[in-house]
Amino acid sequence: MPFIILLILLIVIISSCVKIVPQANAYVVERLGSYLATWNNGVHMLMPFVDRVAKRVNLKEQVADFPPQPVITKDNVTMQIDSVVFFFITDPKLFAYGIVNPMSAIENLTATTLRNIIGDLDLDETLTSREIINSRMRDVLDKATDPWGIKVTRVELKNIIPPEAIQNAMEKQMKAERERRESILRAEGEKKSTILVAEGKKEAAILDAEADKQTAILHAEAEKQRRIEEAQGQAEAIRLVQEANAEGIRMLREAGADEAVLRLKSLEAFAKAADGKATKIIVPSDLAAMAGVVESVAEIAKGSGSGAAAAVKEASETAGNAGAV
């Protein structure tokens, strides 16, 4: 029985001496109160009653969100600023023995650094220089935490809260700026609209003028073509009349017509000319030698209408008979 109790006690002691370190963790081990080693992930054995795990350290990147801190700007404006610090532990031994309360130390250091930086800036610079403030704070905190085995990777200003009066003034300023931009945009829109309307009217006027021009050109071309065709028709009619006259003369010559026949044809032409409303007829000089013809023509000159035509015909017959004699 005592052996069993001793065996159980031995098993409990051995099992308590076996330590498994998880991934991204480190154990700081002491022997008889002094630093012995830093264990990384894996299985490790402690010396019973001599060794102990003094501190378990998380090696992952951590975030420290600190409450708002009152700060005063260069132009004596008090505002509340809360910040966020991102860091991870690089040396578990320094983190375990370098400082008593590392998180409290980081918070106080952050507040002090923030006051020093903001104190050199006025309100407008504080509101518009977040990136500069973040970078300067990260550099200061990183150097200050190196002896503690801590690496500061990033610092962010989460909120910058100015006094209520300044907030109201800023809101009014922002409202006025929005209204100004809106007015500018509206004016630009109206201007563009006016320009587009004017350009549309201009384009329409140009198109109307082009249409009128084309219409006038087409009308002129049509009138020109009409006159050309009319002149060509008249020329063709004259040509046909001339050809007919020439053909008649040719046929008379081929038929052997003598002087008497030609005079008879002349009288027939006069008969056609007299068959109208003419009151005067000019008689060719070569017909004046015919006495009977002259008298007939005088009668025609005194008369009108069909009577004149009959007289001319009678004179033509008389001239024809005379030519035959």
C-alpha atoms as a PDB file:
ATOM      1  CA  MET A   1       0.000   0.000   0.000  1.00  0.00           C
ATOM      2  CA  PRO A   2       2.704   2.546   0.817  1.00  0.00           C
ATOM      3  CA  PHE A   3       4.416   1.587  -2.436  1.00  0.00           C
ATOM      4  CA  ILE A   4       1.289   2.344  -4.428  1.00  0.00           C
ATOM      5  CA  ILE A   5       0.932   5.719  -2.754  1.00  0.00           C
ATOM      6  CA  LEU A   6       4.577   6.460  -3.456  1.00  0.00           C
ATOM      7  CA  LEU A   7       4.147   5.417  -7.097  1.00  0.00           C
ATOM      8  CA  ILE A   8       1.101   7.628  -7.520  1.00  0.00           C
ATOM      9  CA  LEU A   9       2.914  10.531  -5.920  1.00  0.00           C
ATOM     10  CA  LEU A  10       5.871  10.000  -8.250  1.00  0.00           C
ATOM     11  CA  ILE A  11       3.609   9.958 -11.301  1.00  0.00           C
ATOM     12  CA  VAL A  12       1.942  13.207 -10.205  1.00  0.00           C
ATOM     13  CA  ILE A  13       5.312  14.884  -9.666  1.00  0.00           C
ATOM     14  CA  ILE A  14       6.661  13.764 -13.058  1.00  0.00           C
ATOM     15  CA  SER A  15       3.520  14.819 -14.877  1.00  0.00           C
ATOM     16  CA  SER A  16       3.660  18.245 -13.263  1.00  0.00           C
ATOM     17  CA  CYS A  17       7.233  18.617 -14.432  1.00  0.00           C
ATOM     18  CA  VAL A  18       6.329  17.998 -18.109  1.00  0.00           C
ATOM     19  CA  LYS A  19       5.494  21.321 -19.832  1.00  0.00           C
ATOM     20  CA  ILE A  20       4.160  21.764 -23.345  1.00  0.00           C
ATOM     21  CA  VAL A  21       4.688  25.264 -24.781  1.00  0.00           C
ATOM     22  CA  PRO A  22       2.061  26.180 -27.444  1.00  0.00           C
ATOM     23  CA  GLN A  23       2.856  27.839 -30.768  1.00  0.00           C
ATOM     24  CA  ALA A  24       3.520  31.639 -30.639  1.00  0.00           C
ATOM     25  CA  ASN A  25       4.191  31.439 -26.912  1.00  0.00           C
ATOM     26  CA  ALA A  26       7.283  31.391 -24.706  1.00  0.00           C
ATOM     27  CA  TYR A  27       7.899  30.385 -21.101  1.00  0.00           C
ATOM     28  CA  VAL A  28      10.428  32.114 -18.869  1.00  0.00           C
ATOM     29  CA  VAL A  29      11.836  29.481 -16.505  1.00  0.00           C
ATOM     30  CA  GLU A  30      13.585  30.129 -13.159  1.00  0.00           C
ATOM     31  CA  ARG A  31      15.678  27.800 -11.021  1.00  0.00           C
ATOM     32  CA  LEU A  32      15.811  28.559  -7.345  1.00  0.00           C
ATOM     33  CA  GLY A  33      14.521  32.069  -8.091  1.00  0.00           C
ATOM     34  CA  SER A  34      17.057  32.889 -10.816  1.00  0.00           C
ATOM     35  CA  TYR A  35      16.475  33.077 -14.556  1.00  0.00           C
ATOM     36  CA  LEU A  36      17.246  29.746 -16.166  1.00  0.00           C
ATOM     37  CA  ALA A  37      15.976  29.724 -19.760  1.00  0.00           C
ATOM     38  CA  THR A  38      13.300  30.768 -22.231  1.00  0.00           C
ATOM     39  CA  TRP A  39      11.336  27.865 -23.631  1.00  0.00           C
ATOM     40  CA  ASN A  40       9.772  28.113 -27.074  1.00  0.00           C
ATOM     41  CA  ASN A  41       7.021  25.871 -28.431  1.00  0.00           C
ATOM     42  CA  GLY A  42       7.461  22.164 -27.752  1.00  0.00           C
ATOM     43  CA  VAL A  43       7.780  19.700 -24.811  1.00  0.00           C
ATOM     44  CA  HIS A  44      10.044  20.605 -21.894  1.00  0.00           C
ATOM     45  CA  MET A  45      10.899  19.118 -18.483  1.00  0.00           C
ATOM     46  CA  LEU A  46      11.190  20.978 -15.192  1.00  0.00           C
ATOM     47  CA  MET A  47      13.433  19.926 -12.339  1.00  0.00           C
ATOM     48  CA  PRO A  48      11.025  19.031  -9.510  1.00  0.00           C
ATOM     49  CA  PHE A  49      10.962  21.433  -6.583  1.00  0.00           C
ATOM     50  CA  VAL A  50      13.807  23.453  -8.150  1.00  0.00           C
ATOM     51  CA  ASP A  51      12.540  24.889 -11.473  1.00  0.00           C
ATOM     52  CA  ARG A  52       9.363  26.831 -12.112  1.00  0.00           C
ATOM     53  CA  VAL A  53       7.715  28.762 -14.982  1.00  0.00           C
ATOM     54  CA  ALA A  54       8.081  32.384 -13.926  1.00  0.00           C
ATOM     55  CA  LYS A  55       6.116  33.971 -16.847  1.00  0.00           C
ATOM     56  CA  ARG A  56       4.116  32.853 -19.816  1.00  0.00           C
ATOM     57  CA  VAL A  57       4.608  35.294 -22.723  1.00  0.00           C
ATOM     58  CA  ASN A  58       2.339  35.676 -25.787  1.00  0.00           C
ATOM     59  CA  LEU A  59       4.459  36.369 -28.880  1.00  0.00           C
ATOM     60  CA  LYS A  60       1.553  37.365 -31.130  1.00  0.00           C
ATOM     61  CA  GLU A  61       1.000  40.994 -32.159  1.00  0.00           C
ATOM     62  CA  GLN A  62      -1.200  42.695 -29.594  1.00  0.00           C
ATOM     63  CA  VAL A  63      -3.392  45.791 -29.542  1.00  0.00           C
ATOM     64  CA  ALA A  64      -3.583  48.235 -26.653  1.00  0.00           C
ATOM     65  CA  ASP A  65      -6.601  50.567 -26.851  1.00  0.00           C
ATOM     66  CA  PHE A  66      -6.166  53.416 -24.399  1.00  0.00           C
ATOM     67  CA  PRO A  67      -8.918  55.766 -23.188  1.00  0.00           C
ATOM     68  CA  PRO A  68      -9.013  59.422 -24.380  1.00  0.00           C
ATOM     69  CA  GLN A  69      -6.275  61.631 -23.037  1.00  0.00           C
ATOM     70  CA  PRO A  70      -6.656  65.400 -22.538  1.00  0.00           C
ATOM     71  CA  VAL A  71      -4.082  67.327 -24.579  1.00  0.00           C
ATOM     72  CA  ILE A  72      -3.504  71.036 -25.215  1.00  0.00           C
ATOM     73  CA  THR A  73      -2.540  72.354 -28.638  1.00  0.00           C
ATOM     74  CA  LYS A  74      -0.088  75.128 -29.363  1.00  0.00           C
ATOM     75  CA  ASP A  75      -2.941  77.645 -29.620  1.00  0.00           C
ATOM     76  CA  ASN A  76      -4.311  76.601 -26.177  1.00  0.00           C
ATOM     77  CA  VAL A  77      -7.191  74.424 -27.332  1.00  0.00           C
ATOM     78  CA  THR A  78      -7.910  71.467 -25.068  1.00  0.00           C
ATOM     79  CA  MET A  79      -9.113  68.338 -26.816  1.00  0.00           C
ATOM     80  CA  GLN A  80      -9.543  64.654 -26.090  1.00  0.00           C
ATOM     81  CA  ILE A  81      -7.502  62.142 -28.116  1.00  0.00           C
ATOM     82  CA  ASP A  82      -7.591  58.381 -27.772  1.00  0.00           C
ATOM     83  CA  SER A  83      -4.977  56.228 -29.427  1.00  0.00           C
ATOM     84  CA  VAL A  84      -4.366  52.609 -30.345  1.00  0.00           C
ATOM     85  CA  VAL A  85      -0.934  50.963 -30.116  1.00  0.00           C
ATOM     86  CA  PHE A  86       0.031  47.783 -31.991  1.00  0.00           C
ATOM     87  CA  PHE A  87       3.030  45.857 -30.620  1.00  0.00           C
ATOM     88  CA  PHE A  88       4.530  42.422 -30.079  1.00  0.00           C
ATOM     89  CA  ILE A  89       7.120  40.973 -27.679  1.00  0.00           C
ATOM     90  CA  THR A  90      10.542  40.302 -29.149  1.00  0.00           C
ATOM     91  CA  ASP A  91      12.408  39.235 -25.986  1.00  0.00           C
ATOM     92  CA  PRO A  92      10.421  37.329 -23.312  1.00  0.00           C
ATOM     93  CA  LYS A  93      13.264  37.677 -20.770  1.00  0.00           C
ATOM     94  CA  LEU A  94      13.356  41.501 -21.050  1.00  0.00           C
ATOM     95  CA  PHE A  95       9.561  41.610 -21.014  1.00  0.00           C
ATOM     96  CA  ALA A  96       9.525  39.523 -17.795  1.00  0.00           C
ATOM     97  CA  TYR A  97      12.297  41.360 -15.954  1.00  0.00           C
ATOM     98  CA  GLY A  98      12.573  44.752 -17.708  1.00  0.00           C
ATOM     99  CA  ILE A  99       9.548  46.502 -16.187  1.00  0.00           C
ATOM    100  CA  VAL A 100       6.940  45.687 -13.570  1.00  0.00           C
ATOM    101  CA  ASN A 101       3.787  46.522 -15.526  1.00  0.00           C
ATOM    102  CA  PRO A 102       4.564  46.831 -19.243  1.00  0.00           C
ATOM    103  CA  MET A 103       1.008  47.737 -20.365  1.00  0.00           C
ATOM    104  CA  SER A 104       0.682  50.538 -17.827  1.00  0.00           C
ATOM    105  CA  ALA A 105       4.096  51.786 -18.845  1.00  0.00           C
ATOM    106  CA  ILE A 106       3.096  51.816 -22.535  1.00  0.00           C
ATOM    107  CA  GLU A 107      -0.125  53.706 -21.724  1.00  0.00           C
ATOM    108  CA  ASN A 108       1.648  56.388 -19.736  1.00  0.00           C
ATOM    109  CA  LEU A 109       4.388  56.683 -22.328  1.00  0.00           C
ATOM    110  CA  THR A 110       1.783  57.049 -25.073  1.00  0.00           C
ATOM    111  CA  ALA A 111      -0.052  59.817 -23.217  1.00  0.00           C
ATOM    112  CA  THR A 112       3.191  61.700 -22.510  1.00  0.00           C
ATOM    113  CA  THR A 113       4.412  61.416 -26.094  1.00  0.00           C
ATOM    114  CA  LEU A 114       1.019  62.502 -27.419  1.00  0.00           C
ATOM    115  CA  ARG A 115       1.010  65.636 -25.246  1.00  0.00           C
ATOM    116  CA  ASN A 116       4.528  66.549 -26.351  1.00  0.00           C
ATOM    117  CA  ILE A 117       3.718  66.201 -30.037  1.00  0.00           C
ATOM    118  CA  ILE A 118       0.321  67.936 -29.923  1.00  0.00           C
ATOM    119  CA  GLY A 119       1.826  70.779 -27.882  1.00  0.00           C
ATOM    120  CA  ASP A 120       3.930  71.746 -30.895  1.00  0.00           C
ATOM    121  CA  LEU A 121       0.928  71.867 -33.234  1.00  0.00           C
ATOM    122  CA  ASP A 122      -2.044  74.197 -33.474  1.00  0.00           C
ATOM    123  CA  LEU A 123      -5.628  73.023 -33.856  1.00  0.00           C
ATOM    124  CA  ASP A 124      -5.718  72.960 -37.652  1.00  0.00           C
ATOM    125  CA  GLU A 125      -2.421  71.076 -37.878  1.00  0.00           C
ATOM    126  CA  THR A 126      -3.633  68.564 -35.307  1.00  0.00           C
ATOM    127  CA  LEU A 127      -6.781  67.878 -37.311  1.00  0.00           C
ATOM    128  CA  THR A 128      -4.972  67.542 -40.637  1.00  0.00           C
ATOM    129  CA  SER A 129      -1.691  65.859 -39.630  1.00  0.00           C
ATOM    130  CA  ARG A 130      -2.747  62.475 -38.321  1.00  0.00           C
ATOM    131  CA  GLU A 131      -0.196  60.572 -40.378  1.00  0.00           C
ATOM    132  CA  ILE A 132       2.644  62.758 -39.120  1.00  0.00           C
ATOM    133  CA  ILE A 133       1.532  62.381 -35.505  1.00  0.00           C
ATOM    134  CA  ASN A 134       1.181  58.611 -35.860  1.00  0.00           C
ATOM    135  CA  SER A 135       4.646  58.260 -37.357  1.00  0.00           C
ATOM    136  CA  ARG A 136       6.334  60.396 -34.707  1.00  0.00           C
ATOM    137  CA  MET A 137       4.590  58.554 -31.877  1.00  0.00           C
ATOM    138  CA  ARG A 138       5.562  55.172 -33.293  1.00  0.00           C
ATOM    139  CA  ASP A 139       9.232  56.182 -33.499  1.00  0.00           C
ATOM    140  CA  VAL A 140       9.283  57.500 -29.926  1.00  0.00           C
ATOM    141  CA  LEU A 141       7.427  54.513 -28.442  1.00  0.00           C
ATOM    142  CA  ASP A 142       9.503  51.978 -30.346  1.00  0.00           C
ATOM    143  CA  LYS A 143      12.768  53.399 -29.019  1.00  0.00           C
ATOM    144  CA  ALA A 144      11.421  53.695 -25.492  1.00  0.00           C
ATOM    145  CA  THR A 145      10.117  50.107 -25.350  1.00  0.00           C
ATOM    146  CA  ASP A 146      13.206  48.408 -26.768  1.00  0.00           C
ATOM    147  CA  PRO A 147      14.669  47.825 -23.236  1.00  0.00           C
ATOM    148  CA  TRP A 148      11.421  46.099 -22.290  1.00  0.00           C
ATOM    149  CA  GLY A 149      11.622  43.581 -25.125  1.00  0.00           C
ATOM    150  CA  ILE A 150       8.649  45.194 -26.931  1.00  0.00           C
ATOM    151  CA  LYS A 151       8.451  46.223 -30.598  1.00  0.00           C
ATOM    152  CA  VAL A 152       5.877  48.915 -31.450  1.00  0.00           C
ATOM    153  CA  THR A 153       4.732  48.401 -35.034  1.00  0.00           C
ATOM    154  CA  ARG A 154       2.012  51.018 -35.431  1.00  0.00           C
ATOM    155  CA  VAL A 155       0.262  53.825 -33.572  1.00  0.00           C
ATOM    156  CA  GLU A 156      -3.120  55.218 -34.646  1.00  0.00           C
ATOM    157  CA  LEU A 157      -5.120  58.186 -33.365  1.00  0.00           C
ATOM    158  CA  LYS A 158      -8.609  56.775 -33.163  1.00  0.00           C
ATOM    159  CA  ASN A 159     -10.529  59.923 -32.255  1.00  0.00           C
ATOM    160  CA  ILE A 160      -9.737  63.613 -31.979  1.00  0.00           C
ATOM    161  CA  ILE A 161     -12.491  65.362 -30.038  1.00  0.00           C
ATOM    162  CA  PRO A 162     -12.225  69.174 -29.888  1.00  0.00           C
ATOM    163  CA  PRO A 163     -14.317  71.331 -27.500  1.00  0.00           C
ATOM    164  CA  GLU A 164     -18.035  71.661 -28.223  1.00  0.00           C
ATOM    165  CA  ALA A 165     -17.783  75.322 -29.284  1.00  0.00           C
ATOM    166  CA  ILE A 166     -15.096  74.486 -31.792  1.00  0.00           C
ATOM    167  CA  GLN A 167     -17.125  71.526 -33.023  1.00  0.00           C
ATOM    168  CA  ASN A 168     -20.097  73.817 -33.656  1.00  0.00           C
ATOM    169  CA  ALA A 169     -17.890  76.312 -35.475  1.00  0.00           C
ATOM    170  CA  MET A 170     -16.388  73.530 -37.561  1.00  0.00           C
ATOM    171  CA  GLU A 171     -19.825  72.186 -38.433  1.00  0.00           C
ATOM    172  CA  LYS A 172     -20.950  75.652 -39.544  1.00  0.00           C
ATOM    173  CA  GLN A 173     -17.802  76.045 -41.583  1.00  0.00           C
ATOM    174  CA  MET A 174     -18.287  72.663 -43.182  1.00  0.00           C
ATOM    175  CA  LYS A 175     -21.928  73.488 -43.926  1.00  0.00           C
ATOM    176  CA  ALA A 176     -20.932  76.787 -45.525  1.00  0.00           C
ATOM    177  CA  GLU A 177     -18.275  75.015 -47.566  1.00  0.00           C
ATOM    178  CA  ARG A 178     -20.782  72.412 -48.756  1.00  0.00           C
ATOM    179  CA  GLU A 179     -23.242  75.133 -49.718  1.00  0.00           C
ATOM    180  CA  ARG A 180     -20.488  76.994 -51.577  1.00  0.00           C
ATOM    181  CA  ARG A 181     -19.499  73.880 -53.480  1.00  0.00           C
ATOM    182  CA  GLU A 182     -23.142  73.179 -54.241  1.00  0.00           C
ATOM    183  CA  SER A 183     -23.571  76.718 -55.600  1.00  0.00           C
ATOM    184  CA  ILE A 184     -20.457  76.336 -57.710  1.00  0.00           C
ATOM    185  CA  LEU A 185     -21.621  72.997 -59.077  1.00  0.00           C
ATOM    186  CA  ARG A 186     -25.087  74.380 -59.784  1.00  0.00           C
ATOM    187  CA  ALA A 187     -23.615  77.410 -61.572  1.00  0.00           C
ATOM    188  CA  GLU A 188     -21.311  75.193 -63.603  1.00  0.00           C
ATOM    189  CA  GLY A 189     -24.244  72.974 -64.500  1.00  0.00           C
ATOM    190  CA  GLU A 190     -26.329  75.946 -65.626  1.00  0.00           C
ATOM    191  CA  LYS A 191     -23.378  77.293 -67.588  1.00  0.00           C
ATOM    192  CA  LYS A 192     -22.860  73.981 -69.341  1.00  0.00           C
ATOM    193  CA  SER A 193     -26.576  73.740 -70.041  1.00  0.00           C
ATOM    194  CA  THR A 194     -26.604  77.242 -71.552  1.00  0.00           C
ATOM    195  CA  ILE A 195     -23.579  76.397 -73.654  1.00  0.00           C
ATOM    196  CA  LEU A 196     -25.196  73.197 -74.886  1.00  0.00           C
ATOM    197  CA  VAL A 197     -28.421  75.020 -75.769  1.00  0.00           C
ATOM    198  CA  ALA A 198     -26.468  77.743 -77.601  1.00  0.00           C
ATOM    199  CA  GLU A 199     -24.431  75.153 -79.453  1.00  0.00           C
ATOM    200  CA  GLY A 200     -27.625  73.322 -80.372  1.00  0.00           C
ATOM    201  CA  LYS A 201     -29.198  76.516 -81.737  1.00  0.00           C
ATOM    202  CA  LYS A 202     -26.006  77.327 -83.601  1.00  0.00           C
ATOM    203  CA  GLU A 203     -25.896  73.859 -85.123  1.00  0.00           C
ATOM    204  CA  ALA A 204     -29.573  74.095 -86.067  1.00  0.00           C
ATOM    205  CA  ALA A 205     -29.010  77.501 -87.708  1.00  0.00           C
ATOM    206  CA  ILE A 206     -26.042  76.124 -89.630  1.00  0.00           C
ATOM    207  CA  LEU A 207     -28.088  73.135 -90.789  1.00  0.00           C
ATOM    208  CA  ASP A 208     -30.990  75.423 -91.814  1.00  0.00           C
ATOM    209  CA  ALA A 209     -28.599  77.662 -93.748  1.00  0.00           C
ATOM    210  CA  GLU A 210     -27.053  74.631 -95.436  1.00  0.00           C
ATOM    211  CA  ALA A 211     -30.516  73.346 -96.303  1.00  0.00           C
ATOM    212  CA  ASP A 212     -31.540  76.724 -97.768  1.00  0.00           C
ATOM    213  CA  LYS A 213     -28.292  76.860 -99.701  1.00  0.00           C
ATOM    214  CA  GLN A 214     -28.803  73.382-101.105  1.00  0.00           C
ATOM    215  CA  THR A 215     -32.417  74.223-101.981  1.00  0.00           C
ATOM    216  CA  ALA A 216     -31.328  77.398-103.802  1.00  0.00           C
ATOM    217  CA  ILE A 217     -28.610  75.479-105.628  1.00  0.00           C
ATOM    218  CA  LEU A 218     -31.089  72.800-106.673  1.00  0.00           C
ATOM    219  CA  HIS A 219     -33.600  75.422-107.850  1.00  0.00           C
ATOM    220  CA  ALA A 220     -30.899  77.229-109.818  1.00  0.00           C
ATOM    221  CA  GLU A 221     -29.727  73.974-111.349  1.00  0.00           C
ATOM    222  CA  ALA A 222     -33.282  73.077-112.268  1.00  0.00           C
ATOM    223  CA  GLU A 223     -33.899  76.507-113.821  1.00  0.00           C
ATOM    224  CA  LYS A 224     -30.596  76.309-115.677  1.00  0.00           C
ATOM    225  CA  GLN A 225     -31.448  72.845-116.991  1.00  0.00           C
ATOM    226  CA  ARG A 226     -34.919  74.006-118.002  1.00  0.00           C
ATOM    227  CA  ARG A 227     -33.518  76.951-119.946  1.00  0.00           C
ATOM    228  CA  ILE A 228     -30.872  74.761-121.549  1.00  0.00           C
ATOM    229  CA  GLU A 229     -33.495  72.244-122.625  1.00  0.00           C
ATOM    230  CA  GLU A 230     -35.793  75.048-123.854  1.00  0.00           C
ATOM    231  CA  ALA A 231     -32.945  76.604-125.840  1.00  0.00           C
ATOM    232  CA  GLN A 232     -32.012  73.206-127.207  1.00  0.00           C
ATOM    233  CA  GLY A 233     -35.665  72.655-128.211  1.00  0.00           C
ATOM    234  CA  GLN A 234     -35.827  76.016-129.963  1.00  0.00           C
ATOM    235  CA  ALA A 235     -32.524  75.353-131.691  1.00  0.00           C
ATOM    236  CA  GLU A 236     -33.769  71.937-132.759  1.00  0.00           C
ATOM    237  CA  ALA A 237     -37.017  73.492-134.100  1.00  0.00           C
ATOM    238  CA  ILE A 238     -35.076  76.100-136.037  1.00  0.00           C
ATOM    239  CA  ARG A 239     -32.775  73.413-137.365  1.00  0.00           C
ATOM    240  CA  LEU A 240     -35.739  71.302-138.479  1.00  0.00           C
ATOM    241  CA  VAL A 241     -37.389  74.326-140.198  1.00  0.00           C
ATOM    242  CA  GLN A 242     -34.154  75.133-141.950  1.00  0.00           C
ATOM    243  CA  GLU A 243     -33.727  71.544-142.995  1.00  0.00           C
ATOM    244  CA  ALA A 244     -37.323  71.498-144.278  1.00  0.00           C
ATOM    245  CA  ASN A 245     -36.756  74.705-146.248  1.00  0.00           C
ATOM    246  CA  ALA A 246     -33.511  73.375-147.638  1.00  0.00           C
ATOM    247  CA  GLU A 247     -35.224  70.111-148.581  1.00  0.00           C
ATOM    248  CA  GLY A 248     -38.042  72.040-150.297  1.00  0.00           C
ATOM    249  CA  ILE A 249     -35.573  74.124-152.263  1.00  0.00           C
ATOM    250  CA  ARG A 250     -33.633  70.998-153.203  1.00  0.00           C
ATOM    251  CA  MET A 251     -36.795  69.272-154.375  1.00  0.00           C
ATOM    252  CA  LEU A 252     -37.790  72.360-156.443  1.00  0.00           C
ATOM    253  CA  ARG A 253     -34.403  72.407-158.056  1.00  0.00           C
ATOM    254  CA  GLU A 254     -34.550  68.696-158.784  1.00  0.00           C
ATOM    255  CA  ALA A 255     -38.047  69.176-160.313  1.00  0.00           C
ATOM    256  CA  GLY A 256     -36.679  71.833-162.717  1.00  0.00           C
ATOM    257  CA  ALA A 257     -38.926  74.655-161.486  1.00  0.00           C
ATOM    258  CA  ASP A 258     -38.484  77.839-163.628  1.00  0.00           C
ATOM    259  CA  GLU A 259     -38.746  81.466-162.580  1.00  0.00           C
ATOM    260  CA  ALA A 260     -42.492  81.561-163.025  1.00  0.00           C
ATOM    261  CA  VAL A 261     -43.033  78.680-160.640  1.00  0.00           C
ATOM    262  CA  LEU A 262     -40.815  80.313-158.021  1.00  0.00           C
ATOM    263  CA  ARG A 263     -42.801  83.522-158.319  1.00  0.00           C
ATOM    264  CA  LEU A 264     -45.977  81.550-158.002  1.00  0.00           C
ATOM    265  CA  LYS A 265     -44.692  80.014-154.783  1.00  0.00           C
ATOM    266  CA  SER A 266     -43.829  83.478-153.547  1.00  0.00           C
ATOM    267  CA  LEU A 267     -47.354  84.590-154.190  1.00  0.00           C
ATOM    268  CA  GLU A 268     -48.673  81.590-152.330  1.00  0.00           C
ATOM    269  CA  ALA A 269     -46.504  82.577-149.379  1.00  0.00           C
ATOM    270  CA  PHE A 270     -47.946  86.067-149.543  1.00  0.00           C
ATOM    271  CA  ALA A 271     -51.414  84.573-149.616  1.00  0.00           C
ATOM    272  CA  LYS A 272     -50.660  82.764-146.354  1.00  0.00           C
ATOM    273  CA  ALA A 273     -49.257  85.911-144.841  1.00  0.00           C
ATOM    274  CA  ALA A 274     -52.292  87.875-145.897  1.00  0.00           C
ATOM    275  CA  ASP A 275     -54.669  85.332-144.403  1.00  0.00           C
ATOM    276  CA  GLY A 276     -54.765  87.123-141.079  1.00  0.00           C
ATOM    277  CA  LYS A 277     -55.283  90.459-139.425  1.00  0.00           C
ATOM    278  CA  ALA A 278     -52.383  92.249-141.171  1.00  0.00           C
ATOM    279  CA  THR A 279     -53.352  95.526-142.847  1.00  0.00           C
ATOM    280  CA  LYS A 280     -50.016  96.177-144.587  1.00  0.00           C
ATOM    281  CA  ILE A 281     -47.892  93.850-146.728  1.00  0.00           C
ATOM    282  CA  ILE A 282     -44.442  94.685-148.132  1.00  0.00           C
ATOM    283  CA  VAL A 283     -44.161  93.406-151.723  1.00  0.00           C
ATOM    284  CA  PRO A 284     -40.734  92.322-152.991  1.00  0.00           C
ATOM    285  CA  SER A 285     -39.250  94.502-155.716  1.00  0.00           C
ATOM    286  CA  ASP A 286     -38.921  91.714-158.262  1.00  0.00           C
ATOM    287  CA  LEU A 287     -42.683  91.276-158.382  1.00  0.00           C
ATOM    288  CA  ALA A 288     -43.428  94.942-159.094  1.00  0.00           C
ATOM    289  CA  ALA A 289     -42.986  94.396-162.846  1.00  0.00           C
ATOM    290  CA  MET A 290     -46.167  92.409-163.036  1.00  0.00           C
ATOM    291  CA  ALA A 291     -48.955  94.915-163.429  1.00  0.00           C
ATOM    292  CA  GLY A 292     -51.785  92.572-162.670  1.00  0.00           C
ATOM    293  CA  VAL A 293     -50.042  91.310-159.597  1.00  0.00           C
ATOM    294  CA  VAL A 294     -49.443  94.826-158.307  1.00  0.00           C
ATOM    295  CA  GLU A 295     -53.116  95.638-158.669  1.00  0.00           C
ATOM    296  CA  SER A 296     -54.097  92.468-156.838  1.00  0.00           C
ATOM    297  CA  VAL A 297     -51.679  93.227-154.039  1.00  0.00           C
ATOM    298  CA  ALA A 298     -53.126  96.742-153.771  1.00  0.00           C
ATOM    299  CA  GLU A 299     -56.565  95.235-153.381  1.00  0.00           C
ATOM    300  CA  ILE A 300     -55.225  92.951-150.691  1.00  0.00           C
ATOM    301  CA  ALA A 301     -53.727  95.937-148.878  1.00  0.00           C
ATOM    302  CA  LYS A 302     -57.118  97.640-148.884  1.00  0.00           C
ATOM    303  CA  GLY A 303     -59.054  94.602-147.690  1.00  0.00           C
ATOM    304  CA  SER A 304     -58.588  92.138-144.811  1.00  0.00           C
ATOM    305  CA  GLY A 305     -59.363  88.592-143.782  1.00  0.00           C
ATOM    306  CA  SER A 306     -60.439  85.956-146.259  1.00  0.00           C
ATOM    307  CA  GLY A 307     -61.105  88.496-148.996  1.00  0.00           C
ATOM    308  CA  ALA A 308     -57.485  89.493-149.012  1.00  0.00           C
ATOM    309  CA  ALA A 309     -56.468  85.897-149.219  1.00  0.00           C
ATOM    310  CA  ALA A 310     -58.766  85.362-152.223  1.00  0.00           C
ATOM    311  CA  ALA A 311     -57.314  88.355-153.963  1.00  0.00           C
ATOM    312  CA  VAL A 312     -53.782  87.107-153.418  1.00  0.00           C
ATOM    313  CA  LYS A 313     -54.781  83.698-154.790  1.00  0.00           C
ATOM    314  CA  GLU A 314     -56.305  85.360-157.874  1.00  0.00           C
ATOM    315  CA  ALA A 315     -53.140  87.364-158.363  1.00  0.00           C
ATOM    316  CA  SER A 316     -51.140  84.178-158.018  1.00  0.00           C
ATOM    317  CA  GLU A 317     -53.170  82.483-160.712  1.00  0.00           C
ATOM    318  CA  THR A 318     -52.815  85.526-162.966  1.00  0.00           C
ATOM    319  CA  ALA A 319     -49.048  85.504-162.421  1.00  0.00           C
ATOM    320  CA  GLY A 320     -48.978  81.819-163.153  1.00  0.00           C
ATOM    321  CA  ASN A 321     -50.814  82.280-166.409  1.00  0.00           C
ATOM    322  CA  ALA A 322     -48.508  85.131-167.303  1.00  0.00           C
ATOM    323  CA  GLY A 323     -45.511  82.986-166.648  1.00  0.00           C
ATOM    324  CA  ALA A 324     -46.988  80.284-168.836  1.00  0.00           C
ATOM    325  CA  VAL A 325     -47.417  82.724-171.790  1.00  0.00           C
END
